[in-house]
Amino acid sequence: MINFIESSHTYWTEIDGASMDVPSVSSILTEMLGLDYAKINPFYADRGTAVHKAIELTHEDNLDENSVDEEVKPFLDGYFDFLEKTKFKPMMWEQKLFSKRLWVAGTMDIVGTIGFQILNQRHLIDIKTGQRQKWHQLQTAGYALMLSEEMERQKTPIKIERHCLYIDKNSKWKLDPHNNKSDFSVFEAMATVYNRKGDYR
């Protein structure tokens, strides 16, 4: 079981009665790739968070569209257009996952089916309101690895197709597939180094 502290955006789990911190997919990528979020205008980060929240409330049938901020609405409209055009059907959203093997946790944006459902196939989609970055494919690889482990534990293995959904302020969207299988081994290596680096200091 994984626990999440929203105020600090940190994860922890309990093993043999002891609480242990678990790094997130984002924290591993940030350190291993030297990503610098300090340069990002807080406005864009807050807007992205608000878009994700609006999408979450949409799928919980708890969104008051009259309360959606004018800065958020174009992105939400773009998401609605994506749902209509692709016939995407969400099955899980804002799902927290944990891999004991890799010692990593994270929260997936959304998982579901597109068009005609193929048996045991699911589309894992990370929603972005900013520019495409190369490391995004490693992020979805981390989530996919954790989701696969969870489904195997439940004895319901699935085939996962990874994507980023980019939505802009003009309600335009693009679904970018992540097909490079080496993303998985690269992320696994990063997680291993991140978690073992203390052994060599």
C-alpha atoms as a PDB file:
ATOM      1  CA  MET A   1       0.000   0.000   0.000  1.00  0.00           C
ATOM      2  CA  ILE A   2       1.268   3.455  -0.894  1.00  0.00           C
ATOM      3  CA  ASN A   3       0.441   6.646   0.991  1.00  0.00           C
ATOM      4  CA  PHE A   4       0.632  10.178  -0.369  1.00  0.00           C
ATOM      5  CA  ILE A   5       1.179  13.499   1.407  1.00  0.00           C
ATOM      6  CA  GLU A   6      -0.279  16.129  -0.915  1.00  0.00           C
ATOM      7  CA  SER A   7       1.261  19.179   0.794  1.00  0.00           C
ATOM      8  CA  SER A   8       4.810  17.928   0.157  1.00  0.00           C
ATOM      9  CA  HIS A   9       3.959  15.718  -2.821  1.00  0.00           C
ATOM     10  CA  THR A  10       5.777  12.783  -1.226  1.00  0.00           C
ATOM     11  CA  TYR A  11       5.003   9.080  -0.998  1.00  0.00           C
ATOM     12  CA  TRP A  12       5.613   6.601   1.796  1.00  0.00           C
ATOM     13  CA  THR A  13       4.828   3.017   2.659  1.00  0.00           C
ATOM     14  CA  GLU A  14       4.997   0.858   5.766  1.00  0.00           C
ATOM     15  CA  ILE A  15       7.189  -2.241   5.925  1.00  0.00           C
ATOM     16  CA  ASP A  16       7.478  -4.357   9.079  1.00  0.00           C
ATOM     17  CA  GLY A  17       5.906  -1.534  11.077  1.00  0.00           C
ATOM     18  CA  ALA A  18       8.343   1.115   9.863  1.00  0.00           C
ATOM     19  CA  SER A  19       7.428   4.069   7.641  1.00  0.00           C
ATOM     20  CA  MET A  20       9.695   4.394   4.616  1.00  0.00           C
ATOM     21  CA  ASP A  21       9.872   7.178   2.052  1.00  0.00           C
ATOM     22  CA  VAL A  22       9.418   6.160  -1.579  1.00  0.00           C
ATOM     23  CA  PRO A  23      10.708   8.368  -4.418  1.00  0.00           C
ATOM     24  CA  SER A  24       8.279   9.390  -7.135  1.00  0.00           C
ATOM     25  CA  VAL A  25       8.739   8.913 -10.860  1.00  0.00           C
ATOM     26  CA  SER A  26       9.098  12.692 -11.138  1.00  0.00           C
ATOM     27  CA  SER A  27      11.751  12.974  -8.407  1.00  0.00           C
ATOM     28  CA  ILE A  28      13.846  10.233 -10.015  1.00  0.00           C
ATOM     29  CA  LEU A  29      13.691  11.911 -13.437  1.00  0.00           C
ATOM     30  CA  THR A  30      14.366  15.338 -11.939  1.00  0.00           C
ATOM     31  CA  GLU A  31      17.577  14.232 -10.254  1.00  0.00           C
ATOM     32  CA  MET A  32      18.854  11.826 -12.881  1.00  0.00           C
ATOM     33  CA  LEU A  33      18.244  14.222 -15.775  1.00  0.00           C
ATOM     34  CA  GLY A  34      19.062  17.429 -13.902  1.00  0.00           C
ATOM     35  CA  LEU A  35      15.667  18.973 -14.613  1.00  0.00           C
ATOM     36  CA  ASP A  36      15.247  22.486 -13.248  1.00  0.00           C
ATOM     37  CA  TYR A  37      11.682  23.383 -12.347  1.00  0.00           C
ATOM     38  CA  ALA A  38      12.760  26.619 -10.645  1.00  0.00           C
ATOM     39  CA  LYS A  39      12.707  28.333 -14.030  1.00  0.00           C
ATOM     40  CA  ILE A  40       9.060  27.452 -14.637  1.00  0.00           C
ATOM     41  CA  ASN A  41       6.599  30.274 -14.007  1.00  0.00           C
ATOM     42  CA  PRO A  42       4.346  29.169 -11.103  1.00  0.00           C
ATOM     43  CA  PHE A  43       1.340  30.348 -13.126  1.00  0.00           C
ATOM     44  CA  TYR A  44       1.823  27.543 -15.644  1.00  0.00           C
ATOM     45  CA  ALA A  45       2.371  24.928 -12.955  1.00  0.00           C
ATOM     46  CA  ASP A  46      -0.790  26.030 -11.123  1.00  0.00           C
ATOM     47  CA  ARG A  47      -2.754  26.082 -14.370  1.00  0.00           C
ATOM     48  CA  GLY A  48      -1.646  22.543 -15.174  1.00  0.00           C
ATOM     49  CA  THR A  49      -2.708  21.373 -11.726  1.00  0.00           C
ATOM     50  CA  ALA A  50      -6.104  23.038 -12.163  1.00  0.00           C
ATOM     51  CA  VAL A  51      -6.604  21.374 -15.559  1.00  0.00           C
ATOM     52  CA  HIS A  52      -5.827  17.963 -14.083  1.00  0.00           C
ATOM     53  CA  LYS A  53      -8.253  18.598 -11.229  1.00  0.00           C
ATOM     54  CA  ALA A  54     -11.013  19.633 -13.624  1.00  0.00           C
ATOM     55  CA  ILE A  55     -10.492  16.444 -15.641  1.00  0.00           C
ATOM     56  CA  GLU A  56     -10.549  14.359 -12.464  1.00  0.00           C
ATOM     57  CA  LEU A  57     -13.827  15.983 -11.367  1.00  0.00           C
ATOM     58  CA  THR A  58     -15.234  15.412 -14.855  1.00  0.00           C
ATOM     59  CA  HIS A  59     -14.755  11.661 -14.591  1.00  0.00           C
ATOM     60  CA  GLU A  60     -16.150  11.654 -11.071  1.00  0.00           C
ATOM     61  CA  ASP A  61     -19.279  13.405 -12.409  1.00  0.00           C
ATOM     62  CA  ASN A  62     -18.637  16.175  -9.930  1.00  0.00           C
ATOM     63  CA  LEU A  63     -17.548  19.092 -12.099  1.00  0.00           C
ATOM     64  CA  ASP A  64     -19.420  22.381 -12.023  1.00  0.00           C
ATOM     65  CA  GLU A  65     -18.469  23.769 -15.428  1.00  0.00           C
ATOM     66  CA  ASN A  66     -19.617  27.244 -14.382  1.00  0.00           C
ATOM     67  CA  SER A  67     -16.848  27.258 -11.786  1.00  0.00           C
ATOM     68  CA  VAL A  68     -14.051  26.491 -14.269  1.00  0.00           C
ATOM     69  CA  ASP A  69     -11.557  29.348 -14.526  1.00  0.00           C
ATOM     70  CA  GLU A  70     -11.297  31.052 -17.928  1.00  0.00           C
ATOM     71  CA  GLU A  71      -7.597  30.099 -18.074  1.00  0.00           C
ATOM     72  CA  VAL A  72      -8.494  26.426 -17.578  1.00  0.00           C
ATOM     73  CA  LYS A  73     -11.547  26.192 -19.831  1.00  0.00           C
ATOM     74  CA  PRO A  74      -9.732  26.034 -23.226  1.00  0.00           C
ATOM     75  CA  PHE A  75      -7.694  23.053 -22.000  1.00  0.00           C
ATOM     76  CA  LEU A  76     -10.791  21.322 -20.667  1.00  0.00           C
ATOM     77  CA  ASP A  77     -12.572  21.959 -23.964  1.00  0.00           C
ATOM     78  CA  GLY A  78      -9.618  20.412 -25.765  1.00  0.00           C
ATOM     79  CA  TYR A  79      -9.854  17.354 -23.525  1.00  0.00           C
ATOM     80  CA  PHE A  80     -13.589  17.028 -24.230  1.00  0.00           C
ATOM     81  CA  ASP A  81     -12.811  17.202 -27.955  1.00  0.00           C
ATOM     82  CA  PHE A  82     -10.207  14.448 -27.515  1.00  0.00           C
ATOM     83  CA  LEU A  83     -12.795  12.246 -25.784  1.00  0.00           C
ATOM     84  CA  GLU A  84     -15.304  12.806 -28.576  1.00  0.00           C
ATOM     85  CA  LYS A  85     -12.908  12.331 -31.494  1.00  0.00           C
ATOM     86  CA  THR A  86     -11.126   9.216 -30.169  1.00  0.00           C
ATOM     87  CA  LYS A  87     -14.039   7.609 -28.280  1.00  0.00           C
ATOM     88  CA  PHE A  88     -11.699   7.268 -25.316  1.00  0.00           C
ATOM     89  CA  LYS A  89     -13.353   5.594 -22.324  1.00  0.00           C
ATOM     90  CA  PRO A  90     -11.593   6.191 -18.998  1.00  0.00           C
ATOM     91  CA  MET A  91     -11.303   3.287 -16.580  1.00  0.00           C
ATOM     92  CA  MET A  92      -8.837   4.686 -14.001  1.00  0.00           C
ATOM     93  CA  TRP A  93      -7.725   8.217 -13.248  1.00  0.00           C
ATOM     94  CA  GLU A  94      -5.392   9.802 -10.698  1.00  0.00           C
ATOM     95  CA  GLN A  95      -4.436   6.257  -9.664  1.00  0.00           C
ATOM     96  CA  LYS A  96      -1.560   5.999  -7.168  1.00  0.00           C
ATOM     97  CA  LEU A  97       0.854   3.146  -7.791  1.00  0.00           C
ATOM     98  CA  PHE A  98       3.877   1.618  -6.076  1.00  0.00           C
ATOM     99  CA  SER A  99       6.593  -0.764  -7.233  1.00  0.00           C
ATOM    100  CA  LYS A 100       8.410  -2.506  -4.401  1.00  0.00           C
ATOM    101  CA  ARG A 101      10.785  -4.047  -6.956  1.00  0.00           C
ATOM    102  CA  LEU A 102      11.883  -0.680  -8.349  1.00  0.00           C
ATOM    103  CA  TRP A 103      11.125   1.231  -5.138  1.00  0.00           C
ATOM    104  CA  VAL A 104       9.211   3.988  -6.858  1.00  0.00           C
ATOM    105  CA  ALA A 105       5.716   5.462  -6.619  1.00  0.00           C
ATOM    106  CA  GLY A 106       3.612   7.789  -8.712  1.00  0.00           C
ATOM    107  CA  THR A 107       0.169   8.923  -9.771  1.00  0.00           C
ATOM    108  CA  MET A 108      -1.022   8.119 -13.283  1.00  0.00           C
ATOM    109  CA  ASP A 109      -3.243  10.642 -15.026  1.00  0.00           C
ATOM    110  CA  ILE A 110      -5.635   8.334 -16.845  1.00  0.00           C
ATOM    111  CA  VAL A 111      -5.999   4.816 -18.263  1.00  0.00           C
ATOM    112  CA  GLY A 112      -8.730   3.550 -20.550  1.00  0.00           C
ATOM    113  CA  THR A 113      -9.676   2.261 -23.980  1.00  0.00           C
ATOM    114  CA  ILE A 114      -9.781   3.940 -27.383  1.00  0.00           C
ATOM    115  CA  GLY A 115     -12.381   3.021 -29.966  1.00  0.00           C
ATOM    116  CA  PHE A 116     -13.213  -0.654 -30.140  1.00  0.00           C
ATOM    117  CA  GLN A 117     -11.895  -2.353 -27.023  1.00  0.00           C
ATOM    118  CA  ILE A 118      -9.148  -4.922 -27.604  1.00  0.00           C
ATOM    119  CA  LEU A 119      -9.083  -7.644 -24.983  1.00  0.00           C
ATOM    120  CA  ASN A 120      -6.621  -6.834 -22.185  1.00  0.00           C
ATOM    121  CA  GLN A 121      -5.327  -3.687 -23.926  1.00  0.00           C
ATOM    122  CA  ARG A 122      -5.277  -0.359 -22.118  1.00  0.00           C
ATOM    123  CA  HIS A 123      -4.065   3.107 -23.077  1.00  0.00           C
ATOM    124  CA  LEU A 124      -2.071   4.925 -20.399  1.00  0.00           C
ATOM    125  CA  ILE A 125      -2.192   8.671 -21.040  1.00  0.00           C
ATOM    126  CA  ASP A 126      -0.263  11.445 -19.325  1.00  0.00           C
ATOM    127  CA  ILE A 127      -1.877  14.838 -19.875  1.00  0.00           C
ATOM    128  CA  LYS A 128       0.383  17.811 -20.572  1.00  0.00           C
ATOM    129  CA  THR A 129      -0.467  21.499 -20.884  1.00  0.00           C
ATOM    130  CA  GLY A 130       3.087  22.515 -21.778  1.00  0.00           C
ATOM    131  CA  GLN A 131       5.625  21.740 -24.479  1.00  0.00           C
ATOM    132  CA  ARG A 132       6.716  18.254 -25.484  1.00  0.00           C
ATOM    133  CA  GLN A 133       9.882  17.063 -23.751  1.00  0.00           C
ATOM    134  CA  LYS A 134      11.980  13.984 -24.545  1.00  0.00           C
ATOM    135  CA  TRP A 135      11.826  12.758 -20.933  1.00  0.00           C
ATOM    136  CA  HIS A 136       8.035  12.473 -21.030  1.00  0.00           C
ATOM    137  CA  GLN A 137       8.395   9.008 -22.565  1.00  0.00           C
ATOM    138  CA  LEU A 138      10.436   7.894 -19.541  1.00  0.00           C
ATOM    139  CA  GLN A 139       7.691   9.185 -17.267  1.00  0.00           C
ATOM    140  CA  THR A 140       5.043   7.068 -18.968  1.00  0.00           C
ATOM    141  CA  ALA A 141       7.435   4.088 -18.897  1.00  0.00           C
ATOM    142  CA  GLY A 142       7.688   4.412 -15.117  1.00  0.00           C
ATOM    143  CA  TYR A 143       3.919   4.495 -14.746  1.00  0.00           C
ATOM    144  CA  ALA A 144       3.478   1.575 -17.144  1.00  0.00           C
ATOM    145  CA  LEU A 145       5.974  -0.570 -15.230  1.00  0.00           C
ATOM    146  CA  MET A 146       4.107   0.043 -11.977  1.00  0.00           C
ATOM    147  CA  LEU A 147       0.707  -0.558 -13.553  1.00  0.00           C
ATOM    148  CA  SER A 148       1.911  -3.843 -15.068  1.00  0.00           C
ATOM    149  CA  GLU A 149       3.127  -5.009 -11.667  1.00  0.00           C
ATOM    150  CA  GLU A 150      -0.203  -4.113 -10.085  1.00  0.00           C
ATOM    151  CA  MET A 151      -2.184  -5.943 -12.748  1.00  0.00           C
ATOM    152  CA  GLU A 152       0.040  -9.012 -12.400  1.00  0.00           C
ATOM    153  CA  ARG A 153      -0.574  -9.010  -8.639  1.00  0.00           C
ATOM    154  CA  GLN A 154      -4.289  -8.962  -9.390  1.00  0.00           C
ATOM    155  CA  LYS A 155      -3.741 -11.774 -11.913  1.00  0.00           C
ATOM    156  CA  THR A 156      -5.187  -9.610 -14.707  1.00  0.00           C
ATOM    157  CA  PRO A 157      -2.169  -8.858 -16.936  1.00  0.00           C
ATOM    158  CA  ILE A 158      -2.767  -6.243 -19.618  1.00  0.00           C
ATOM    159  CA  LYS A 159      -1.014  -4.833 -22.663  1.00  0.00           C
ATOM    160  CA  ILE A 160      -0.288  -1.164 -22.113  1.00  0.00           C
ATOM    161  CA  GLU A 161       0.006   1.443 -24.849  1.00  0.00           C
ATOM    162  CA  ARG A 162       1.672   4.661 -23.644  1.00  0.00           C
ATOM    163  CA  HIS A 163       0.895   8.215 -24.769  1.00  0.00           C
ATOM    164  CA  CYS A 164       1.159  11.863 -23.805  1.00  0.00           C
ATOM    165  CA  LEU A 165      -1.838  14.018 -24.596  1.00  0.00           C
ATOM    166  CA  TYR A 166      -0.707  17.588 -25.302  1.00  0.00           C
ATOM    167  CA  ILE A 167      -3.413  20.251 -25.050  1.00  0.00           C
ATOM    168  CA  ASP A 168      -2.796  23.933 -25.770  1.00  0.00           C
ATOM    169  CA  LYS A 169      -4.522  27.178 -24.842  1.00  0.00           C
ATOM    170  CA  ASN A 170      -6.425  27.123 -28.149  1.00  0.00           C
ATOM    171  CA  SER A 171      -8.101  23.805 -27.252  1.00  0.00           C
ATOM    172  CA  LYS A 172      -5.955  21.990 -29.809  1.00  0.00           C
ATOM    173  CA  TRP A 173      -4.670  18.567 -28.824  1.00  0.00           C
ATOM    174  CA  LYS A 174      -2.216  15.947 -30.024  1.00  0.00           C
ATOM    175  CA  LEU A 175      -1.901  12.368 -28.821  1.00  0.00           C
ATOM    176  CA  ASP A 176       1.780  11.446 -28.934  1.00  0.00           C
ATOM    177  CA  PRO A 177       2.476   7.665 -28.783  1.00  0.00           C
ATOM    178  CA  HIS A 178       5.476   6.376 -26.840  1.00  0.00           C
ATOM    179  CA  ASN A 179       6.600   3.252 -28.684  1.00  0.00           C
ATOM    180  CA  ASN A 180      10.285   3.005 -27.743  1.00  0.00           C
ATOM    181  CA  LYS A 181      10.633  -0.202 -25.712  1.00  0.00           C
ATOM    182  CA  SER A 182      14.060   0.858 -24.448  1.00  0.00           C
ATOM    183  CA  ASP A 183      12.303   3.492 -22.302  1.00  0.00           C
ATOM    184  CA  PHE A 184      11.564   0.747 -19.786  1.00  0.00           C
ATOM    185  CA  SER A 185      15.153  -0.398 -19.317  1.00  0.00           C
ATOM    186  CA  VAL A 186      16.351   3.223 -19.151  1.00  0.00           C
ATOM    187  CA  PHE A 187      13.846   4.103 -16.437  1.00  0.00           C
ATOM    188  CA  GLU A 188      14.641   0.922 -14.501  1.00  0.00           C
ATOM    189  CA  ALA A 189      18.349   1.810 -14.612  1.00  0.00           C
ATOM    190  CA  MET A 190      17.607   5.338 -13.391  1.00  0.00           C
ATOM    191  CA  ALA A 191      15.507   4.024 -10.501  1.00  0.00           C
ATOM    192  CA  THR A 192      18.247   1.579  -9.522  1.00  0.00           C
ATOM    193  CA  VAL A 193      20.965   4.237  -9.529  1.00  0.00           C
ATOM    194  CA  TYR A 194      18.745   6.724  -7.675  1.00  0.00           C
ATOM    195  CA  ASN A 195      17.950   4.229  -4.916  1.00  0.00           C
ATOM    196  CA  ARG A 196      21.453   2.740  -4.643  1.00  0.00           C
ATOM    197  CA  LYS A 197      23.627   5.835  -4.957  1.00  0.00           C
ATOM    198  CA  GLY A 198      23.814   6.163  -1.179  1.00  0.00           C
ATOM    199  CA  ASP A 199      25.539   2.780  -0.960  1.00  0.00           C
ATOM    200  CA  TYR A 200      28.600   4.234  -2.689  1.00  0.00           C
ATOM    201  CA  ARG A 201      29.046   7.542  -0.884  1.00  0.00           C
END
